[in-house]
Amino acid sequence: MGLDFRRINVLPPQVRDFLFIKLIPQKLFFRFNIDPITLRGPSGHKCVRGYFPKDENMALIEVRLNPEDEDPLFQCQLSLEELFRSVNLDWIEMNDITKERFNVDKAQEGKETLGGVFQRNLEEEIKAMQAGLAPGMVRPGLGLFGKFVRCLEEFTSFLGLNTITLEALFYHTAVMFERYGFTYLKGLKMMQTIGKEFRPQGKLFLGLDGSTPFRQRGMEVTARTRSWAIHDGILKDVLGMEWIPPRMYKLVGKHHGINTFWGS
């Protein structure tokens, strides 16, 4: 059998669960009063659950304070990439469920939009942007991303691997992963072009012409606001290029020192 999660998913539950719980930053348990041993929250419900299919090369673990909560506090899906012998981060989501929710993931008729990738809810996106959120976010985050990256590195090392791979769905997430030491398998040239053209008098800078709420002057300064302009299609309109989520990687314990972003 090749390198995949199918071997891990069939381990005895107490061994398997102990391994995957290492992915959850401990600070999350303390902040929301979840017992790190019993995994039960203030209401008495078990807050941590996983999906470990025996015949699929993936695993998912999540934390919900209450079963009826619309959003998880934490949700992480991983798979194992045989080509690079790496842990692949398929999905990570961390939500402060005590804060306001913005339905950017739902069209006005209630259909899922995959964070606005397939269909956009412009009214909710404008509200989310004005509240300081980035594209794809339904609530503010927990400020635990750096701690999660360390947990992921420890998990990867525990498996005897030394590489983490992922696809950055949005521009701001690619910049964020850069800051935590990731570099590029694919997409570096695109990111460098974006960085160059958002500089003063660059083509993307000049494209922030106020034609939509997501293309206002000054949005070139932060990765979050640039990401809204890119989500709004400015790359295609100005440069004739599509946003293609970059493929990124990180060697455990190494900061690759890539920085395609200028600004704050």
C-alpha atoms as a PDB file:
ATOM      1  CA  MET A   1       0.000   0.000   0.000  1.00  0.00           C
ATOM      2  CA  GLY A   2       1.361   3.459  -0.901  1.00  0.00           C
ATOM      3  CA  LEU A   3       1.637   6.461   1.329  1.00  0.00           C
ATOM      4  CA  ASP A   4      -1.885   7.638   2.167  1.00  0.00           C
ATOM      5  CA  PHE A   5      -4.306   8.274   5.006  1.00  0.00           C
ATOM      6  CA  ARG A   6      -5.981   4.921   4.572  1.00  0.00           C
ATOM      7  CA  ARG A   7      -3.320   3.369   6.790  1.00  0.00           C
ATOM      8  CA  ILE A   8      -3.826   6.004   9.462  1.00  0.00           C
ATOM      9  CA  ASN A   9      -7.629   5.957   9.343  1.00  0.00           C
ATOM     10  CA  VAL A  10      -7.780   2.258  10.264  1.00  0.00           C
ATOM     11  CA  LEU A  11      -5.620   2.661  13.372  1.00  0.00           C
ATOM     12  CA  PRO A  12      -7.389   2.059  16.713  1.00  0.00           C
ATOM     13  CA  PRO A  13      -9.591   5.119  17.343  1.00  0.00           C
ATOM     14  CA  GLN A  14      -7.741   6.182  20.483  1.00  0.00           C
ATOM     15  CA  VAL A  15      -4.432   6.217  18.570  1.00  0.00           C
ATOM     16  CA  ARG A  16      -5.868   7.848  15.440  1.00  0.00           C
ATOM     17  CA  ASP A  17      -7.756  10.528  17.389  1.00  0.00           C
ATOM     18  CA  PHE A  18      -4.731  11.369  19.546  1.00  0.00           C
ATOM     19  CA  LEU A  19      -2.751  11.978  16.372  1.00  0.00           C
ATOM     20  CA  PHE A  20      -5.306  14.235  14.653  1.00  0.00           C
ATOM     21  CA  ILE A  21      -6.143  16.265  17.764  1.00  0.00           C
ATOM     22  CA  LYS A  22      -2.555  17.519  17.596  1.00  0.00           C
ATOM     23  CA  LEU A  23      -3.700  19.661  14.647  1.00  0.00           C
ATOM     24  CA  ILE A  24      -5.922  21.809  16.896  1.00  0.00           C
ATOM     25  CA  PRO A  25      -4.167  24.758  18.584  1.00  0.00           C
ATOM     26  CA  GLN A  26      -4.434  24.271  22.335  1.00  0.00           C
ATOM     27  CA  LYS A  27      -5.343  27.920  22.817  1.00  0.00           C
ATOM     28  CA  LEU A  28      -8.672  27.229  21.095  1.00  0.00           C
ATOM     29  CA  PHE A  29      -9.644  24.790  23.877  1.00  0.00           C
ATOM     30  CA  PHE A  30      -8.858  27.316  26.593  1.00  0.00           C
ATOM     31  CA  ARG A  31     -10.547  30.246  24.836  1.00  0.00           C
ATOM     32  CA  PHE A  32     -13.862  28.394  24.459  1.00  0.00           C
ATOM     33  CA  ASN A  33     -13.662  26.409  27.700  1.00  0.00           C
ATOM     34  CA  ILE A  34     -13.381  22.992  26.025  1.00  0.00           C
ATOM     35  CA  ASP A  35     -11.835  20.275  28.185  1.00  0.00           C
ATOM     36  CA  PRO A  36      -8.737  19.067  26.259  1.00  0.00           C
ATOM     37  CA  ILE A  37      -9.095  15.580  27.749  1.00  0.00           C
ATOM     38  CA  THR A  38     -12.827  14.846  27.473  1.00  0.00           C
ATOM     39  CA  LEU A  39     -13.229  17.272  24.508  1.00  0.00           C
ATOM     40  CA  ARG A  40     -16.532  18.451  25.977  1.00  0.00           C
ATOM     41  CA  GLY A  41     -17.587  22.082  26.067  1.00  0.00           C
ATOM     42  CA  PRO A  42     -19.585  24.108  28.592  1.00  0.00           C
ATOM     43  CA  SER A  43     -22.872  22.578  27.380  1.00  0.00           C
ATOM     44  CA  GLY A  44     -21.575  19.049  27.952  1.00  0.00           C
ATOM     45  CA  HIS A  45     -21.488  18.156  24.248  1.00  0.00           C
ATOM     46  CA  LYS A  46     -18.395  16.558  22.755  1.00  0.00           C
ATOM     47  CA  CYS A  47     -16.985  19.319  20.577  1.00  0.00           C
ATOM     48  CA  VAL A  48     -14.394  17.465  18.490  1.00  0.00           C
ATOM     49  CA  ARG A  49     -15.304  15.035  15.758  1.00  0.00           C
ATOM     50  CA  GLY A  50     -13.606  13.594  12.715  1.00  0.00           C
ATOM     51  CA  TYR A  51     -14.282  11.944   9.403  1.00  0.00           C
ATOM     52  CA  PHE A  52     -11.779   9.190   8.713  1.00  0.00           C
ATOM     53  CA  PRO A  53     -12.927   7.124   5.693  1.00  0.00           C
ATOM     54  CA  LYS A  54     -11.155   3.787   5.348  1.00  0.00           C
ATOM     55  CA  ASP A  55     -11.210   3.861   1.545  1.00  0.00           C
ATOM     56  CA  GLU A  56     -10.280   7.511   0.863  1.00  0.00           C
ATOM     57  CA  ASN A  57      -6.944   9.285   0.977  1.00  0.00           C
ATOM     58  CA  MET A  58      -8.147  12.071   3.294  1.00  0.00           C
ATOM     59  CA  ALA A  59      -9.149  12.883   6.832  1.00  0.00           C
ATOM     60  CA  LEU A  60     -11.123  15.733   8.371  1.00  0.00           C
ATOM     61  CA  ILE A  61     -11.261  16.969  11.954  1.00  0.00           C
ATOM     62  CA  GLU A  62     -13.431  19.777  13.277  1.00  0.00           C
ATOM     63  CA  VAL A  63     -14.452  21.552  16.460  1.00  0.00           C
ATOM     64  CA  ARG A  64     -18.035  22.754  16.986  1.00  0.00           C
ATOM     65  CA  LEU A  65     -18.964  24.278  20.300  1.00  0.00           C
ATOM     66  CA  ASN A  66     -22.518  22.968  19.892  1.00  0.00           C
ATOM     67  CA  PRO A  67     -23.856  20.424  17.355  1.00  0.00           C
ATOM     68  CA  GLU A  68     -26.379  22.928  15.984  1.00  0.00           C
ATOM     69  CA  ASP A  69     -23.806  25.660  15.289  1.00  0.00           C
ATOM     70  CA  GLU A  70     -23.834  26.770  11.665  1.00  0.00           C
ATOM     71  CA  ASP A  71     -20.051  27.183  11.518  1.00  0.00           C
ATOM     72  CA  PRO A  72     -17.216  25.236  13.136  1.00  0.00           C
ATOM     73  CA  LEU A  73     -14.678  26.909  15.375  1.00  0.00           C
ATOM     74  CA  PHE A  74     -12.062  24.869  13.541  1.00  0.00           C
ATOM     75  CA  GLN A  75     -12.154  22.592  10.518  1.00  0.00           C
ATOM     76  CA  CYS A  76      -9.178  21.023   8.801  1.00  0.00           C
ATOM     77  CA  GLN A  77      -9.036  18.530   5.940  1.00  0.00           C
ATOM     78  CA  LEU A  78      -5.792  16.812   4.958  1.00  0.00           C
ATOM     79  CA  SER A  79      -4.646  14.273   2.399  1.00  0.00           C
ATOM     80  CA  LEU A  80      -1.287  12.703   1.647  1.00  0.00           C
ATOM     81  CA  GLU A  81       0.432  13.620  -1.612  1.00  0.00           C
ATOM     82  CA  GLU A  82       2.429  10.661  -2.897  1.00  0.00           C
ATOM     83  CA  LEU A  83       4.273  12.581  -5.633  1.00  0.00           C
ATOM     84  CA  PHE A  84       5.907  14.976  -3.167  1.00  0.00           C
ATOM     85  CA  ARG A  85       5.652  12.677  -0.133  1.00  0.00           C
ATOM     86  CA  SER A  86       3.907  15.508   1.628  1.00  0.00           C
ATOM     87  CA  VAL A  87       0.935  16.294   3.821  1.00  0.00           C
ATOM     88  CA  ASN A  88      -1.491  18.279   1.670  1.00  0.00           C
ATOM     89  CA  LEU A  89      -3.616  20.901   3.409  1.00  0.00           C
ATOM     90  CA  ASP A  90      -6.894  20.648   1.517  1.00  0.00           C
ATOM     91  CA  TRP A  91      -8.839  23.033   3.731  1.00  0.00           C
ATOM     92  CA  ILE A  92      -8.463  25.058   6.922  1.00  0.00           C
ATOM     93  CA  GLU A  93     -11.173  27.177   8.494  1.00  0.00           C
ATOM     94  CA  MET A  94     -11.197  28.935  11.867  1.00  0.00           C
ATOM     95  CA  ASN A  95     -14.175  31.076  12.878  1.00  0.00           C
ATOM     96  CA  ASP A  96     -14.933  33.288  15.843  1.00  0.00           C
ATOM     97  CA  ILE A  97     -18.533  32.185  16.201  1.00  0.00           C
ATOM     98  CA  THR A  98     -19.172  34.897  18.793  1.00  0.00           C
ATOM     99  CA  LYS A  99     -18.907  37.522  16.021  1.00  0.00           C
ATOM    100  CA  GLU A 100     -21.351  38.545  13.273  1.00  0.00           C
ATOM    101  CA  ARG A 101     -21.802  36.197  10.315  1.00  0.00           C
ATOM    102  CA  PHE A 102     -21.796  37.361   6.697  1.00  0.00           C
ATOM    103  CA  ASN A 103     -23.494  35.045   4.204  1.00  0.00           C
ATOM    104  CA  VAL A 104     -20.913  35.375   1.427  1.00  0.00           C
ATOM    105  CA  ASP A 105     -21.105  31.592   1.050  1.00  0.00           C
ATOM    106  CA  LYS A 106     -24.789  31.680   0.102  1.00  0.00           C
ATOM    107  CA  ALA A 107     -26.455  33.215  -2.923  1.00  0.00           C
ATOM    108  CA  GLN A 108     -29.586  35.253  -2.304  1.00  0.00           C
ATOM    109  CA  GLU A 109     -31.711  32.220  -3.146  1.00  0.00           C
ATOM    110  CA  GLY A 110     -29.829  30.211  -0.511  1.00  0.00           C
ATOM    111  CA  LYS A 111     -27.577  28.144  -2.781  1.00  0.00           C
ATOM    112  CA  GLU A 112     -23.952  27.521  -1.785  1.00  0.00           C
ATOM    113  CA  THR A 113     -21.385  29.714  -3.538  1.00  0.00           C
ATOM    114  CA  LEU A 114     -18.127  28.097  -2.299  1.00  0.00           C
ATOM    115  CA  GLY A 115     -17.100  31.341  -0.644  1.00  0.00           C
ATOM    116  CA  GLY A 116     -18.091  33.345  -3.704  1.00  0.00           C
ATOM    117  CA  VAL A 117     -15.940  31.367  -6.147  1.00  0.00           C
ATOM    118  CA  PHE A 118     -18.836  30.023  -8.239  1.00  0.00           C
ATOM    119  CA  GLN A 119     -21.455  32.675  -7.525  1.00  0.00           C
ATOM    120  CA  ARG A 120     -21.315  35.914  -5.610  1.00  0.00           C
ATOM    121  CA  ASN A 121     -23.579  37.514  -3.041  1.00  0.00           C
ATOM    122  CA  LEU A 122     -22.496  41.110  -3.611  1.00  0.00           C
ATOM    123  CA  GLU A 123     -24.575  42.625  -0.817  1.00  0.00           C
ATOM    124  CA  GLU A 124     -23.024  40.316   1.785  1.00  0.00           C
ATOM    125  CA  GLU A 125     -19.544  40.694   0.294  1.00  0.00           C
ATOM    126  CA  ILE A 126     -19.703  44.474   0.639  1.00  0.00           C
ATOM    127  CA  LYS A 127     -20.778  44.143   4.271  1.00  0.00           C
ATOM    128  CA  ALA A 128     -18.004  41.634   4.964  1.00  0.00           C
ATOM    129  CA  MET A 129     -15.379  43.834   3.312  1.00  0.00           C
ATOM    130  CA  GLN A 130     -16.509  46.882   5.275  1.00  0.00           C
ATOM    131  CA  ALA A 131     -16.286  44.815   8.483  1.00  0.00           C
ATOM    132  CA  GLY A 132     -12.651  43.986   7.754  1.00  0.00           C
ATOM    133  CA  LEU A 133     -13.052  40.445   6.461  1.00  0.00           C
ATOM    134  CA  ALA A 134     -11.281  39.022   3.404  1.00  0.00           C
ATOM    135  CA  PRO A 135     -12.892  37.137   0.492  1.00  0.00           C
ATOM    136  CA  GLY A 136     -14.289  33.742   1.442  1.00  0.00           C
ATOM    137  CA  MET A 137     -14.586  34.582   5.152  1.00  0.00           C
ATOM    138  CA  VAL A 138     -18.010  34.336   6.791  1.00  0.00           C
ATOM    139  CA  ARG A 139     -16.820  35.488  10.236  1.00  0.00           C
ATOM    140  CA  PRO A 140     -13.670  37.006  11.714  1.00  0.00           C
ATOM    141  CA  GLY A 141     -10.922  34.498  12.371  1.00  0.00           C
ATOM    142  CA  LEU A 142      -9.445  33.447  15.701  1.00  0.00           C
ATOM    143  CA  GLY A 143      -5.937  34.834  15.279  1.00  0.00           C
ATOM    144  CA  LEU A 144      -4.497  31.323  15.639  1.00  0.00           C
ATOM    145  CA  PHE A 145      -3.153  30.751  12.147  1.00  0.00           C
ATOM    146  CA  GLY A 146       0.505  30.857  13.156  1.00  0.00           C
ATOM    147  CA  LYS A 147      -0.143  28.366  15.941  1.00  0.00           C
ATOM    148  CA  PHE A 148      -1.990  26.117  13.498  1.00  0.00           C
ATOM    149  CA  VAL A 149       0.975  26.129  11.088  1.00  0.00           C
ATOM    150  CA  ARG A 150       3.213  24.966  13.945  1.00  0.00           C
ATOM    151  CA  CYS A 151       0.706  22.223  14.811  1.00  0.00           C
ATOM    152  CA  LEU A 152       0.647  21.146  11.159  1.00  0.00           C
ATOM    153  CA  GLU A 153       4.444  21.018  11.025  1.00  0.00           C
ATOM    154  CA  GLU A 154       4.559  18.881  14.176  1.00  0.00           C
ATOM    155  CA  PHE A 155       1.891  16.571  12.737  1.00  0.00           C
ATOM    156  CA  THR A 156       3.815  16.240   9.470  1.00  0.00           C
ATOM    157  CA  SER A 157       7.067  15.517  11.276  1.00  0.00           C
ATOM    158  CA  PHE A 158       5.349  12.924  13.471  1.00  0.00           C
ATOM    159  CA  LEU A 159       4.347  11.061  10.290  1.00  0.00           C
ATOM    160  CA  GLY A 160       8.004  10.974   9.243  1.00  0.00           C
ATOM    161  CA  LEU A 161       7.473  13.508   6.438  1.00  0.00           C
ATOM    162  CA  ASN A 162       9.058  16.922   5.943  1.00  0.00           C
ATOM    163  CA  THR A 163       6.915  18.713   3.337  1.00  0.00           C
ATOM    164  CA  ILE A 164       3.520  20.436   3.446  1.00  0.00           C
ATOM    165  CA  THR A 165       1.716  21.313   0.211  1.00  0.00           C
ATOM    166  CA  LEU A 166      -1.437  23.302  -0.443  1.00  0.00           C
ATOM    167  CA  GLU A 167      -3.389  25.404  -2.917  1.00  0.00           C
ATOM    168  CA  ALA A 168      -4.029  29.023  -1.927  1.00  0.00           C
ATOM    169  CA  LEU A 169      -7.619  29.694  -2.996  1.00  0.00           C
ATOM    170  CA  PHE A 170      -7.419  33.489  -2.594  1.00  0.00           C
ATOM    171  CA  TYR A 171      -4.681  36.097  -3.058  1.00  0.00           C
ATOM    172  CA  HIS A 172      -4.567  37.088   0.612  1.00  0.00           C
ATOM    173  CA  THR A 173      -4.151  33.463   1.678  1.00  0.00           C
ATOM    174  CA  ALA A 174      -1.146  33.072  -0.634  1.00  0.00           C
ATOM    175  CA  VAL A 175       0.429  36.175   0.931  1.00  0.00           C
ATOM    176  CA  MET A 176      -0.369  34.866   4.416  1.00  0.00           C
ATOM    177  CA  PHE A 177       1.251  31.513   3.667  1.00  0.00           C
ATOM    178  CA  GLU A 178       4.320  33.392   2.365  1.00  0.00           C
ATOM    179  CA  ARG A 179       4.581  35.122   5.732  1.00  0.00           C
ATOM    180  CA  TYR A 180       4.601  31.745   7.473  1.00  0.00           C
ATOM    181  CA  GLY A 181       7.433  30.423   5.329  1.00  0.00           C
ATOM    182  CA  PHE A 182       5.778  28.828   2.302  1.00  0.00           C
ATOM    183  CA  THR A 183       7.086  29.148  -1.238  1.00  0.00           C
ATOM    184  CA  TYR A 184       5.711  28.260  -4.666  1.00  0.00           C
ATOM    185  CA  LEU A 185       5.500  25.157  -6.803  1.00  0.00           C
ATOM    186  CA  LYS A 186       3.322  27.051  -9.297  1.00  0.00           C
ATOM    187  CA  GLY A 187       2.150  30.640  -9.403  1.00  0.00           C
ATOM    188  CA  LEU A 188       5.226  32.618  -8.337  1.00  0.00           C
ATOM    189  CA  LYS A 189       5.388  34.588 -11.593  1.00  0.00           C
ATOM    190  CA  MET A 190       1.687  35.488 -11.316  1.00  0.00           C
ATOM    191  CA  MET A 191       2.156  36.670  -7.731  1.00  0.00           C
ATOM    192  CA  GLN A 192       5.197  38.748  -8.694  1.00  0.00           C
ATOM    193  CA  THR A 193       3.239  40.336 -11.553  1.00  0.00           C
ATOM    194  CA  ILE A 194       0.390  41.203  -9.200  1.00  0.00           C
ATOM    195  CA  GLY A 195       2.835  42.731  -6.731  1.00  0.00           C
ATOM    196  CA  LYS A 196       4.480  44.791  -9.445  1.00  0.00           C
ATOM    197  CA  GLU A 197       1.237  46.073 -10.975  1.00  0.00           C
ATOM    198  CA  PHE A 198      -0.247  47.139  -7.625  1.00  0.00           C
ATOM    199  CA  ARG A 199       2.678  49.504  -7.080  1.00  0.00           C
ATOM    200  CA  PRO A 200       1.961  53.210  -7.664  1.00  0.00           C
ATOM    201  CA  GLN A 201       1.184  53.851 -11.330  1.00  0.00           C
ATOM    202  CA  GLY A 202       1.099  50.130 -12.086  1.00  0.00           C
ATOM    203  CA  LYS A 203      -1.746  48.801 -14.206  1.00  0.00           C
ATOM    204  CA  LEU A 204      -3.655  47.273 -11.279  1.00  0.00           C
ATOM    205  CA  PHE A 205      -3.061  50.407  -9.207  1.00  0.00           C
ATOM    206  CA  LEU A 206      -4.616  52.481 -11.971  1.00  0.00           C
ATOM    207  CA  GLY A 207      -7.420  49.928 -12.274  1.00  0.00           C
ATOM    208  CA  LEU A 208      -8.587  50.891  -8.784  1.00  0.00           C
ATOM    209  CA  ASP A 209     -10.817  53.495 -10.379  1.00  0.00           C
ATOM    210  CA  GLY A 210     -13.884  53.372  -8.152  1.00  0.00           C
ATOM    211  CA  SER A 211     -15.925  51.520 -10.767  1.00  0.00           C
ATOM    212  CA  THR A 212     -17.090  48.999  -8.144  1.00  0.00           C
ATOM    213  CA  PRO A 213     -17.038  48.962  -4.321  1.00  0.00           C
ATOM    214  CA  PHE A 214     -14.129  46.486  -4.574  1.00  0.00           C
ATOM    215  CA  ARG A 215     -11.924  48.750  -6.717  1.00  0.00           C
ATOM    216  CA  GLN A 216     -11.393  51.853  -4.638  1.00  0.00           C
ATOM    217  CA  ARG A 217      -8.188  53.885  -4.545  1.00  0.00           C
ATOM    218  CA  GLY A 218      -6.108  52.868  -1.544  1.00  0.00           C
ATOM    219  CA  MET A 219      -7.019  49.182  -1.783  1.00  0.00           C
ATOM    220  CA  GLU A 220      -3.554  48.461  -3.169  1.00  0.00           C
ATOM    221  CA  VAL A 221      -2.043  48.886   0.293  1.00  0.00           C
ATOM    222  CA  THR A 222      -3.179  45.675   2.041  1.00  0.00           C
ATOM    223  CA  ALA A 223      -3.300  42.055   0.949  1.00  0.00           C
ATOM    224  CA  ARG A 224      -6.898  41.828   2.189  1.00  0.00           C
ATOM    225  CA  THR A 225      -8.189  44.703   0.054  1.00  0.00           C
ATOM    226  CA  ARG A 226      -6.154  43.687  -2.981  1.00  0.00           C
ATOM    227  CA  SER A 227      -7.737  40.268  -2.609  1.00  0.00           C
ATOM    228  CA  TRP A 228     -11.214  41.808  -2.854  1.00  0.00           C
ATOM    229  CA  ALA A 229     -10.238  43.579  -6.099  1.00  0.00           C
ATOM    230  CA  ILE A 230      -8.847  40.329  -7.512  1.00  0.00           C
ATOM    231  CA  HIS A 231     -11.964  38.461  -6.375  1.00  0.00           C
ATOM    232  CA  ASP A 232     -13.920  41.146  -8.257  1.00  0.00           C
ATOM    233  CA  GLY A 233     -12.118  40.290 -11.519  1.00  0.00           C
ATOM    234  CA  ILE A 234      -9.613  43.124 -11.822  1.00  0.00           C
ATOM    235  CA  LEU A 235      -6.865  40.807 -13.110  1.00  0.00           C
ATOM    236  CA  LYS A 236      -8.883  39.779 -16.137  1.00  0.00           C
ATOM    237  CA  ASP A 237     -10.238  43.258 -16.825  1.00  0.00           C
ATOM    238  CA  VAL A 238      -6.882  45.031 -16.569  1.00  0.00           C
ATOM    239  CA  LEU A 239      -4.213  42.429 -17.348  1.00  0.00           C
ATOM    240  CA  GLY A 240      -6.219  39.873 -19.318  1.00  0.00           C
ATOM    241  CA  MET A 241      -5.188  37.106 -16.920  1.00  0.00           C
ATOM    242  CA  GLU A 242      -7.173  34.788 -14.680  1.00  0.00           C
ATOM    243  CA  TRP A 243      -6.561  34.248 -10.980  1.00  0.00           C
ATOM    244  CA  ILE A 244      -5.249  30.678 -10.757  1.00  0.00           C
ATOM    245  CA  PRO A 245      -4.807  29.523  -7.148  1.00  0.00           C
ATOM    246  CA  PRO A 246      -1.048  29.073  -6.596  1.00  0.00           C
ATOM    247  CA  ARG A 247       0.380  25.732  -5.557  1.00  0.00           C
ATOM    248  CA  MET A 248       2.631  26.191  -2.528  1.00  0.00           C
ATOM    249  CA  TYR A 249       4.866  24.137  -0.260  1.00  0.00           C
ATOM    250  CA  LYS A 250       6.911  24.364   2.917  1.00  0.00           C
ATOM    251  CA  LEU A 251       9.685  22.215   4.302  1.00  0.00           C
ATOM    252  CA  VAL A 252       9.110  21.532   7.995  1.00  0.00           C
ATOM    253  CA  GLY A 253      11.178  23.904  10.122  1.00  0.00           C
ATOM    254  CA  LYS A 254      12.258  26.064   7.175  1.00  0.00           C
ATOM    255  CA  HIS A 255      11.142  29.596   6.325  1.00  0.00           C
ATOM    256  CA  HIS A 256      11.651  29.984   2.581  1.00  0.00           C
ATOM    257  CA  GLY A 257      11.820  33.791   2.688  1.00  0.00           C
ATOM    258  CA  ILE A 258       9.533  34.469  -0.291  1.00  0.00           C
ATOM    259  CA  ASN A 259       7.821  37.871  -0.328  1.00  0.00           C
ATOM    260  CA  THR A 260       5.850  38.956  -3.381  1.00  0.00           C
ATOM    261  CA  PHE A 261       3.943  41.655  -1.479  1.00  0.00           C
ATOM    262  CA  TRP A 262       4.767  45.247  -0.680  1.00  0.00           C
ATOM    263  CA  GLY A 263       2.462  47.215   1.571  1.00  0.00           C
ATOM    264  CA  SER A 264       1.036  46.646   5.030  1.00  0.00           C
END
